[in-house]
Amino acid sequence: MSFPSTDTSRLTAEQWHRLADSIPIALDVAVERGSEGANVFLESSRRDQYHFRQVVAAGRPQPSEQRRTRHYVEGASVTAYSHDCVAVACIEVMSKEGARAAALSACEEAKTEGRTSASPSDRLAGLDVSMMLEEQQAGLPAATTQEVGRSLAEVCLAVCPDAVEVGVVISEEFRRRLVVSTYGPPRISRHAFATTIVTCERERGPDVRVVAGFAGQENIGPGCDVDRMIHEICQQGSVRPTSYRGGALTIPIVFEAGWCAGVWLHEAVGHFLEGDNVLKGWSPFSKPGEKVAPHEVTIVDDPAIHSSRGSISFDDEGMPAVRNVLVASGVVEGHVHSRLTGRHSGVAATGNGRRENYRFPPAPRMTNLVLENGGGDRDAILASISKGLLINALGSGTVDVRTGRFSFDVILAHWIEGGRTGEAVTGLTLSGDAQSALASVRAVGDDFAADAGRGICRKGGQTVPVGLGSPTVHVDGLRVQARN
């Protein structure tokens, strides 16, 4: 069964040109109203998705369902800064009047006062927005996505005879963004993302979930290495972990290199290195120069990793994105900042002012957070542990930025007995607190691996693409218990 695609409307060429003519007016208004800087953020994005669903009843596959969807996000907003806050107002009508109204609204919300530099109008005359009018990349042909979807689903059904439902979602997203500001030159970006997600719900064994992706500026192909995904499906499908029913344990934990260790680092540590949480007094890592981890721990926010989902050349405020060492050899070096949090902290913005789309205000967010290689050998790390847990796959997690407490569902792990991996286990919850966990890192491997281009981060009601990476990490003092 096939369903028709759904499209939302796009802005017309005339609307884009009227918007270009109105940008200097919006910035002039922001300057006249005393904004401490302002920008106009323009966006043209398209997301294509292919969905494949196969239900199995009484051991027999039912007719599959397939559908394709298309969604556009196109528009512009004015961002105004005051000493205390940042505010965004969408340009509802693509005209000079609409831009003026949006600028006034943003300034009123930001409570701007005083005066800034001279009008930017002359510098921005004749701004070219032709990039926003170009047709987005074609993406994958429908036949290709169907073939990939069906082949991955067939592998799941073959590997998991107890499957009750298999789903494949292939997503492609193409973004164009233009930031025009009072404090720097116009900045233009093009990004392409692809993600393939395979899920297999099983009657007896643990569900299978395999995700792969790719990011870049050019055509992105199928968005996954199909052979690698098939290998992962077979690996997960063949494991028969027992569900943990015992009591709570505080034991050594080893996080598998790549996505698993990277997710833990991002959630349990990274959010406390973001400028807004530091300014609110919530971060245990707020003081530059303070020793917070062993010498082996160096944490970097790197926006320039090739093909990583979080890579950017400038942020959504138009500021250049830079490699930012946050913790160096266990010592706090700095934090990730937007223009506002940088000003309040007395440091320069780090190019981390990011937003989901033009409707949202920028906030300090990570790009690609990585833990650099240490000197440990993975096998030696495991051999040093008499009783512990090797975590291979983490599920959903939460972190309370006010208390530092974090919690993750453990999807797949293996007990470590006498320095060797043993029985597979699932059904656990992992918990701890950020400050103690980072201080209790006992070893960092030399086997760094990046995630497969699939990361997203939700914070403050916004979702942005991010990258993750880490070698194998051994942490003491974390708690595991049976998941309710």
Protein backbone atom coordinates (compact mmCIF):
# COMPACT_ATOMS: atom_id res chain seq x y z
CA MET A 1 0.00 0.00 0.00
CA SER A 2 1.38 3.42 -0.91
CA PHE A 3 0.35 6.82 0.42
CA PRO A 4 0.67 10.12 -1.47
CA SER A 5 3.36 12.58 -0.49
CA THR A 6 2.47 15.75 1.42
CA ASP A 7 3.98 19.15 0.68
CA THR A 8 3.83 22.43 2.53
CA SER A 9 3.98 25.71 0.63
CA ARG A 10 7.22 27.48 -0.25
CA LEU A 11 8.01 31.16 -0.39
CA THR A 12 7.89 32.63 -3.89
CA ALA A 13 10.80 34.33 -5.65
CA GLU A 14 9.00 37.65 -5.27
CA GLN A 15 8.69 37.14 -1.52
CA TRP A 16 12.40 36.35 -1.18
CA HIS A 17 13.37 39.47 -3.15
CA ARG A 18 11.02 41.65 -1.09
CA LEU A 19 12.58 40.17 2.01
CA ALA A 20 16.09 40.99 0.77
CA ASP A 21 15.06 44.61 0.25
CA SER A 22 13.65 44.79 3.76
CA ILE A 23 16.65 43.39 5.66
CA PRO A 24 18.49 46.75 6.00
CA ILE A 25 15.28 48.33 7.29
CA ALA A 26 14.90 45.69 9.99
CA LEU A 27 18.49 46.16 11.12
CA ASP A 28 18.17 49.96 11.04
CA VAL A 29 15.13 49.76 13.31
CA ALA A 30 17.01 47.50 15.73
CA VAL A 31 19.94 49.94 15.83
CA GLU A 32 17.68 52.95 16.33
CA ARG A 33 15.91 51.19 19.19
CA GLY A 34 19.19 50.63 21.00
CA SER A 35 19.84 46.98 20.26
CA GLU A 36 23.31 45.78 21.24
CA GLY A 37 23.55 44.02 17.91
CA ALA A 38 20.89 42.46 15.71
CA ASN A 39 20.59 39.95 12.89
CA VAL A 40 18.12 38.74 10.31
CA PHE A 41 18.11 34.95 9.98
CA LEU A 42 16.79 33.46 6.72
CA GLU A 43 16.17 29.77 6.16
CA SER A 44 15.14 27.48 3.33
CA SER A 45 15.02 23.82 4.38
CA ARG A 46 13.45 20.67 2.99
CA ARG A 47 13.04 17.26 4.59
CA ASP A 48 12.12 14.13 2.62
CA GLN A 49 11.20 10.92 4.43
CA TYR A 50 10.47 7.41 3.25
CA HIS A 51 8.63 5.10 5.68
CA PHE A 52 8.43 1.30 5.35
CA ARG A 53 6.40 -0.80 7.81
CA GLN A 54 5.94 -4.56 7.88
CA VAL A 55 3.72 -6.26 10.44
CA VAL A 56 4.04 -9.98 11.16
CA ALA A 57 0.98 -11.86 12.43
CA ALA A 58 1.06 -15.54 13.43
CA GLY A 59 4.52 -15.81 11.90
CA ARG A 60 3.38 -14.53 8.51
CA PRO A 61 4.34 -11.10 7.08
CA GLN A 62 1.31 -8.95 6.24
CA PRO A 63 1.13 -6.53 3.26
CA SER A 64 3.72 -3.80 3.78
CA GLU A 65 2.92 -0.11 4.09
CA GLN A 66 5.02 2.56 2.41
CA ARG A 67 4.72 6.33 2.30
CA ARG A 68 6.81 9.35 1.38
CA THR A 69 6.53 12.79 2.96
CA ARG A 70 8.04 16.18 2.15
CA HIS A 71 8.17 19.16 4.46
CA TYR A 72 9.56 22.67 3.93
CA VAL A 73 10.69 25.22 6.51
CA GLU A 74 11.13 28.62 4.87
CA GLY A 75 11.06 32.07 6.39
CA ALA A 76 12.97 34.74 8.26
CA SER A 77 13.16 36.37 11.67
CA VAL A 78 14.78 39.33 13.39
CA THR A 79 16.98 38.75 16.45
CA ALA A 80 17.67 41.67 18.80
CA TYR A 81 20.13 41.73 21.69
CA SER A 82 20.10 43.76 24.86
CA HIS A 83 22.52 43.54 27.75
CA ASP A 84 20.31 41.01 29.53
CA CYS A 85 18.59 38.92 26.88
CA VAL A 86 18.03 37.98 23.27
CA ALA A 87 14.64 38.00 21.53
CA VAL A 88 13.36 36.75 18.18
CA ALA A 89 10.37 37.88 16.13
CA CYS A 90 9.34 36.20 12.88
CA ILE A 91 8.82 38.33 9.79
CA GLU A 92 5.22 37.37 9.14
CA VAL A 93 4.79 39.43 5.96
CA MET A 94 7.67 39.47 3.46
CA SER A 95 7.74 43.24 3.05
CA LYS A 96 9.42 46.34 4.47
CA GLU A 97 6.46 46.84 6.80
CA GLY A 98 6.64 43.24 7.96
CA ALA A 99 10.38 43.49 8.65
CA ARG A 100 9.93 46.77 10.54
CA ALA A 101 7.17 45.25 12.69
CA ALA A 102 9.30 42.19 13.50
CA ALA A 103 12.28 44.36 14.47
CA LEU A 104 10.13 46.50 16.76
CA SER A 105 8.65 43.40 18.37
CA ALA A 106 12.07 41.82 18.98
CA CYS A 107 13.45 45.04 20.47
CA GLU A 108 10.45 45.44 22.74
CA GLU A 109 10.80 41.88 24.04
CA ALA A 110 14.56 42.29 24.53
CA LYS A 111 13.99 45.63 26.32
CA THR A 112 16.73 47.32 24.33
CA GLU A 113 18.10 50.69 25.40
CA GLY A 114 20.98 53.01 24.52
CA ARG A 115 22.55 53.22 21.07
CA THR A 116 24.94 51.08 19.07
CA SER A 117 27.01 51.64 15.94
CA ALA A 118 25.95 53.45 12.80
CA SER A 119 23.26 52.17 10.45
CA PRO A 120 24.22 49.10 8.40
CA SER A 121 22.03 50.04 5.43
CA ASP A 122 24.78 51.12 3.05
CA ARG A 123 26.87 48.03 3.69
CA LEU A 124 23.93 45.74 2.97
CA ALA A 125 22.57 47.42 -0.13
CA GLY A 126 21.86 44.97 -2.96
CA LEU A 127 22.15 41.85 -0.80
CA ASP A 128 21.93 38.72 -2.97
CA VAL A 129 19.47 36.07 -1.76
CA SER A 130 19.53 34.02 -4.97
CA MET A 131 20.85 31.01 -3.04
CA MET A 132 17.52 30.80 -1.22
CA LEU A 133 15.68 30.55 -4.55
CA GLU A 134 17.69 27.66 -5.96
CA GLU A 135 15.93 24.32 -6.12
CA GLN A 136 17.13 22.05 -3.32
CA GLN A 137 19.14 18.95 -4.19
CA ALA A 138 17.07 16.21 -5.75
CA GLY A 139 17.83 13.60 -3.11
CA LEU A 140 17.59 9.86 -3.63
CA PRO A 141 15.26 8.43 -6.30
CA ALA A 142 12.15 6.80 -4.88
CA ALA A 143 13.17 3.44 -6.31
CA THR A 144 16.48 3.55 -4.43
CA THR A 145 14.93 4.31 -1.05
CA GLN A 146 12.35 1.57 -1.60
CA GLU A 147 15.06 -0.94 -2.45
CA VAL A 148 17.17 -0.01 0.60
CA GLY A 149 14.13 -0.06 2.89
CA ARG A 150 12.91 -3.45 1.70
CA SER A 151 16.34 -5.07 1.84
CA LEU A 152 16.95 -3.92 5.43
CA ALA A 153 13.49 -5.09 6.49
CA GLU A 154 14.05 -8.50 4.89
CA VAL A 155 17.29 -8.93 6.84
CA CYS A 156 15.47 -8.16 10.09
CA LEU A 157 12.79 -10.74 9.33
CA ALA A 158 15.41 -13.35 8.47
CA VAL A 159 17.56 -12.72 11.55
CA CYS A 160 14.69 -12.32 14.02
CA PRO A 161 12.12 -15.12 13.54
CA ASP A 162 10.17 -13.74 16.52
CA ALA A 163 9.72 -10.32 14.86
CA VAL A 164 6.23 -8.80 15.16
CA GLU A 165 6.90 -5.49 13.40
CA VAL A 166 9.73 -4.06 11.31
CA GLY A 167 10.10 -0.41 10.37
CA VAL A 168 12.58 1.51 8.22
CA VAL A 169 12.70 5.31 7.99
CA ILE A 170 15.07 7.01 5.52
CA SER A 171 15.33 10.78 5.96
CA GLU A 172 17.12 13.40 3.89
CA GLU A 173 17.33 17.03 4.89
CA PHE A 174 18.76 19.95 2.92
CA ARG A 175 19.28 23.30 4.63
CA ARG A 176 20.26 26.75 3.41
CA ARG A 177 20.77 29.52 5.92
CA LEU A 178 21.74 33.17 5.60
CA VAL A 179 22.60 35.38 8.60
CA VAL A 180 22.81 39.14 8.04
CA SER A 181 23.94 41.09 11.10
CA THR A 182 25.04 44.48 12.39
CA TYR A 183 28.26 43.01 13.79
CA GLY A 184 29.78 41.02 10.92
CA PRO A 185 29.61 40.13 7.23
CA PRO A 186 26.67 38.14 5.80
CA ARG A 187 27.16 34.39 6.32
CA ILE A 188 25.76 31.70 4.03
CA SER A 189 25.67 27.97 4.74
CA ARG A 190 24.54 24.81 2.96
CA HIS A 191 24.08 21.55 4.83
CA ALA A 192 22.76 18.12 3.92
CA PHE A 193 21.86 15.36 6.36
CA ALA A 194 20.78 11.77 5.82
CA THR A 195 19.60 9.27 8.41
CA THR A 196 18.43 5.67 8.16
CA ILE A 197 16.69 4.07 11.14
CA VAL A 198 15.80 0.38 11.33
CA THR A 199 13.66 -0.95 14.17
CA CYS A 200 12.49 -4.49 14.79
CA GLU A 201 10.01 -5.19 17.57
CA ARG A 202 10.34 -8.75 18.82
CA GLU A 203 8.04 -11.06 20.74
CA ARG A 204 10.71 -12.59 22.97
CA GLY A 205 14.16 -11.15 22.41
CA PRO A 206 15.19 -7.49 22.88
CA ASP A 207 14.14 -5.10 20.13
CA VAL A 208 16.67 -4.37 17.39
CA ARG A 209 17.47 -0.73 16.61
CA VAL A 210 20.17 0.30 14.13
CA VAL A 211 20.80 3.91 13.11
CA ALA A 212 23.25 5.33 10.58
CA GLY A 213 23.68 8.71 8.98
CA PHE A 214 25.84 11.16 7.08
CA ALA A 215 26.25 14.92 6.93
CA GLY A 216 27.96 17.24 4.49
CA GLN A 217 27.48 20.01 1.96
CA GLU A 218 27.18 17.92 -1.19
CA ASN A 219 24.83 15.17 -2.37
CA ILE A 220 24.78 12.64 0.40
CA GLY A 221 23.99 9.32 -1.29
CA PRO A 222 21.94 6.70 0.57
CA GLY A 223 22.84 8.16 3.97
CA CYS A 224 24.14 4.85 5.24
CA ASP A 225 26.49 1.99 4.57
CA VAL A 226 23.90 -0.71 3.86
CA ASP A 227 26.38 -3.56 4.36
CA ARG A 228 27.43 -2.17 7.74
CA MET A 229 23.81 -1.78 8.82
CA ILE A 230 23.08 -5.38 7.80
CA HIS A 231 26.09 -6.49 9.87
CA GLU A 232 24.76 -4.56 12.90
CA ILE A 233 21.26 -5.98 12.46
CA CYS A 234 22.71 -9.50 12.41
CA GLN A 235 24.85 -8.74 15.46
CA GLN A 236 21.99 -7.36 17.52
CA GLY A 237 19.52 -9.97 16.33
CA SER A 238 21.78 -12.85 17.31
CA VAL A 239 22.37 -11.65 20.88
CA ARG A 240 20.08 -13.17 23.50
CA PRO A 241 20.65 -11.10 26.66
CA THR A 242 19.00 -11.96 29.96
CA SER A 243 16.89 -9.33 31.67
CA TYR A 244 18.48 -8.14 34.93
CA ARG A 245 16.37 -8.88 38.02
CA GLY A 246 18.92 -8.32 40.79
CA GLY A 247 19.43 -5.49 43.25
CA ALA A 248 21.22 -2.18 42.80
CA LEU A 249 24.98 -2.35 42.27
CA THR A 250 27.76 0.22 42.34
CA ILE A 251 30.39 -1.25 40.03
CA PRO A 252 33.04 -0.26 37.47
CA ILE A 253 31.51 0.67 34.13
CA VAL A 254 33.20 0.50 30.72
CA PHE A 255 31.56 2.45 27.91
CA GLU A 256 32.12 1.10 24.39
CA ALA A 257 33.99 3.52 22.10
CA GLY A 258 31.95 5.68 19.72
CA TRP A 259 28.26 6.35 20.13
CA CYS A 260 27.84 4.75 23.56
CA ALA A 261 30.66 6.59 25.33
CA GLY A 262 29.90 9.72 23.31
CA VAL A 263 26.25 9.85 24.41
CA TRP A 264 27.26 9.48 28.05
CA LEU A 265 29.85 12.26 27.68
CA HIS A 266 27.45 14.61 25.87
CA GLU A 267 24.56 14.21 28.30
CA ALA A 268 26.31 13.65 31.62
CA VAL A 269 29.14 16.17 31.13
CA GLY A 270 28.68 18.30 28.02
CA HIS A 271 25.55 20.20 29.04
CA PHE A 272 27.36 21.47 32.14
CA LEU A 273 29.96 23.07 29.86
CA GLU A 274 27.35 25.22 28.06
CA GLY A 275 27.45 28.90 28.95
CA ASP A 276 23.83 29.32 30.01
CA ASN A 277 24.02 26.51 32.56
CA VAL A 278 27.32 27.89 33.85
CA LEU A 279 25.82 31.38 34.32
CA LYS A 280 22.82 29.94 36.18
CA GLY A 281 25.18 28.42 38.74
CA TRP A 282 24.22 24.87 37.84
CA SER A 283 27.56 23.61 36.53
CA PRO A 284 30.13 21.78 38.66
CA PHE A 285 32.65 22.64 35.94
CA SER A 286 32.23 26.43 36.03
CA LYS A 287 35.70 27.54 37.14
CA PRO A 288 38.49 27.73 34.53
CA GLY A 289 41.70 26.32 35.96
CA GLU A 290 39.95 23.89 38.30
CA LYS A 291 40.97 20.22 38.26
CA VAL A 292 37.80 18.17 37.62
CA ALA A 293 39.09 14.94 36.05
CA PRO A 294 42.21 12.78 35.75
CA HIS A 295 45.05 13.83 33.47
CA GLU A 296 43.83 11.45 30.71
CA VAL A 297 40.64 13.47 30.16
CA THR A 298 40.64 16.10 27.39
CA ILE A 299 37.23 17.21 26.09
CA VAL A 300 36.87 19.29 22.93
CA ASP A 301 33.96 20.87 21.06
CA ASP A 302 35.13 20.64 17.45
CA PRO A 303 32.87 22.10 14.72
CA ALA A 304 35.11 21.00 11.84
CA ILE A 305 34.99 17.17 11.91
CA HIS A 306 34.43 15.88 8.37
CA SER A 307 30.98 14.36 7.72
CA SER A 308 29.89 14.86 11.32
CA ARG A 309 26.34 16.00 11.91
CA GLY A 310 27.33 18.88 14.19
CA SER A 311 29.95 20.42 11.90
CA ILE A 312 29.46 24.10 11.03
CA SER A 313 31.68 26.92 9.78
CA PHE A 314 29.68 29.61 11.59
CA ASP A 315 26.81 29.53 14.04
CA ASP A 316 23.23 30.78 13.74
CA GLU A 317 24.25 34.22 14.97
CA GLY A 318 26.79 34.58 12.16
CA MET A 319 29.81 34.07 14.44
CA PRO A 320 32.75 31.93 13.23
CA ALA A 321 32.73 28.46 14.80
CA VAL A 322 36.06 27.52 16.40
CA ARG A 323 37.65 24.45 17.95
CA ASN A 324 37.14 24.90 21.66
CA VAL A 325 39.10 22.92 24.28
CA LEU A 326 36.77 22.68 27.28
CA VAL A 327 38.75 20.37 29.57
CA ALA A 328 42.50 19.91 29.00
CA SER A 329 44.29 17.11 30.85
CA GLY A 330 41.55 17.16 33.48
CA VAL A 331 41.51 20.95 33.97
CA VAL A 332 38.61 23.22 32.95
CA GLU A 333 39.73 25.47 30.09
CA GLY A 334 36.49 27.14 29.01
CA HIS A 335 32.87 26.74 27.93
CA VAL A 336 30.73 26.97 24.81
CA HIS A 337 29.12 30.39 24.38
CA SER A 338 26.63 32.32 22.33
CA ARG A 339 27.03 36.09 21.96
CA LEU A 340 24.87 36.73 25.01
CA THR A 341 26.45 34.21 27.40
CA GLY A 342 29.92 35.17 26.22
CA ARG A 343 29.24 38.84 27.02
CA HIS A 344 27.89 37.97 30.47
CA SER A 345 30.91 35.76 31.14
CA GLY A 346 33.38 38.38 29.97
CA VAL A 347 34.74 36.20 27.15
CA ALA A 348 34.34 36.09 23.38
CA ALA A 349 31.54 34.12 21.77
CA THR A 350 32.78 30.71 20.62
CA GLY A 351 30.46 30.29 17.63
CA ASN A 352 28.02 28.04 19.51
CA GLY A 353 24.87 30.18 19.27
CA ARG A 354 22.60 27.65 17.59
CA ARG A 355 18.86 27.35 16.86
CA GLU A 356 16.51 24.73 15.48
CA ASN A 357 15.20 27.08 12.79
CA TYR A 358 14.36 30.72 12.16
CA ARG A 359 11.48 30.68 14.66
CA PHE A 360 13.75 30.12 17.68
CA PRO A 361 16.28 32.28 19.55
CA PRO A 362 19.94 31.22 19.51
CA ALA A 363 21.30 29.46 22.61
CA PRO A 364 24.73 28.03 23.52
CA ARG A 365 24.83 24.47 22.19
CA MET A 366 27.54 21.91 21.50
CA THR A 367 28.56 21.03 17.92
CA ASN A 368 30.72 17.87 17.95
CA LEU A 369 31.70 17.03 21.53
CA VAL A 370 34.55 14.53 21.71
CA LEU A 371 36.76 12.93 24.30
CA GLU A 372 40.26 12.68 22.87
CA ASN A 373 42.29 9.47 22.89
CA GLY A 374 44.09 8.46 26.03
CA GLY A 375 46.82 5.89 26.39
CA GLY A 376 44.79 2.87 27.42
CA ASP A 377 44.37 -0.35 25.46
CA ARG A 378 40.79 -1.63 25.38
CA ASP A 379 41.70 -5.22 26.22
CA ALA A 380 43.94 -4.05 29.06
CA ILE A 381 41.14 -1.86 30.43
CA LEU A 382 38.77 -4.84 30.52
CA ALA A 383 41.45 -7.12 31.97
CA SER A 384 41.94 -4.73 34.91
CA ILE A 385 38.34 -5.20 36.11
CA SER A 386 37.41 -8.23 38.20
CA LYS A 387 33.68 -7.49 38.33
CA GLY A 388 31.99 -4.82 36.21
CA LEU A 389 29.80 -4.03 33.24
CA LEU A 390 30.69 -3.29 29.61
CA ILE A 391 27.92 -1.12 28.14
CA ASN A 392 27.43 -1.61 24.40
CA ALA A 393 24.21 0.36 23.79
CA LEU A 394 22.50 3.12 25.75
CA GLY A 395 18.88 4.09 25.23
CA SER A 396 17.01 7.16 26.35
CA GLY A 397 18.51 9.25 29.12
CA THR A 398 17.84 12.27 31.29
CA VAL A 399 20.07 14.78 33.04
CA ASP A 400 18.96 17.24 35.70
CA VAL A 401 21.14 20.28 35.10
CA ARG A 402 20.17 21.71 38.49
CA THR A 403 21.45 18.75 40.51
CA GLY A 404 23.92 17.10 38.15
CA ARG A 405 22.15 13.74 38.34
CA PHE A 406 21.83 11.63 35.19
CA SER A 407 20.09 8.39 34.28
CA PHE A 408 20.20 6.16 31.18
CA ASP A 409 18.41 3.03 30.02
CA VAL A 410 20.91 0.29 29.21
CA ILE A 411 19.79 -1.52 26.06
CA LEU A 412 22.66 -3.99 25.85
CA ALA A 413 25.62 -4.74 28.10
CA HIS A 414 27.93 -7.61 29.03
CA TRP A 415 29.08 -8.55 32.49
CA ILE A 416 32.83 -8.37 33.05
CA GLU A 417 34.09 -11.30 35.12
CA GLY A 418 37.76 -11.77 35.91
CA GLY A 419 38.81 -9.31 33.21
CA ARG A 420 36.74 -10.96 30.47
CA THR A 421 33.36 -10.17 28.96
CA GLY A 422 30.68 -12.68 29.79
CA GLU A 423 26.91 -12.98 29.69
CA ALA A 424 24.85 -10.39 27.79
CA VAL A 425 22.32 -8.46 29.87
CA THR A 426 19.58 -5.89 29.33
CA GLY A 427 16.85 -4.22 31.40
CA LEU A 428 19.10 -2.01 33.52
CA THR A 429 19.19 1.67 34.44
CA LEU A 430 22.52 3.47 34.84
CA SER A 431 22.74 6.53 37.11
CA GLY A 432 25.24 8.87 38.71
CA ASP A 433 26.17 12.50 39.06
CA ALA A 434 28.28 14.50 36.63
CA GLN A 435 30.92 15.81 39.01
CA SER A 436 31.70 12.47 40.66
CA ALA A 437 31.55 10.55 37.38
CA LEU A 438 34.07 12.75 35.57
CA ALA A 439 36.39 12.68 38.58
CA SER A 440 36.09 8.88 38.67
CA VAL A 441 37.30 8.19 35.14
CA ARG A 442 39.94 5.50 35.60
CA ALA A 443 41.09 4.89 32.04
CA VAL A 444 40.66 6.33 28.54
CA GLY A 445 41.35 4.09 25.56
CA ASP A 446 43.31 4.78 22.39
CA ASP A 447 40.52 3.54 20.07
CA PHE A 448 38.61 6.77 19.33
CA ALA A 449 35.47 6.32 17.24
CA ALA A 450 32.95 8.90 16.06
CA ASP A 451 29.23 8.36 15.82
CA ALA A 452 27.66 7.45 12.48
CA GLY A 453 26.19 10.88 11.74
CA ARG A 454 22.92 10.36 13.59
CA GLY A 455 23.11 12.66 16.62
CA ILE A 456 20.48 15.19 17.65
CA CYS A 457 20.22 17.12 20.91
CA ARG A 458 17.04 18.44 22.52
CA LYS A 459 17.30 21.35 24.93
CA GLY A 460 14.95 24.17 25.85
CA GLY A 461 12.34 23.02 23.36
CA GLN A 462 14.80 23.06 20.44
CA THR A 463 16.47 20.23 18.52
CA VAL A 464 19.81 20.70 16.76
CA PRO A 465 22.14 18.25 14.97
CA VAL A 466 25.23 17.25 16.93
CA GLY A 467 28.19 14.93 16.63
CA LEU A 468 29.70 12.63 19.27
CA GLY A 469 32.94 10.74 19.64
CA SER A 470 34.99 8.95 22.25
CA PRO A 471 37.38 6.08 22.85
CA THR A 472 36.60 3.33 25.35
CA VAL A 473 36.14 4.83 28.84
CA HIS A 474 36.31 3.16 32.26
CA VAL A 475 34.38 4.97 35.04
CA ASP A 476 34.09 3.85 38.65
CA GLY A 477 31.27 4.53 41.10
CA LEU A 478 28.25 4.47 38.80
CA ARG A 479 25.09 2.69 39.88
CA VAL A 480 23.07 0.12 37.94
CA GLN A 481 19.73 -1.38 38.91
CA ALA A 482 16.85 -3.26 37.36
CA ARG A 483 14.70 -1.07 35.14
CA ASN A 484 11.07 -0.82 36.21
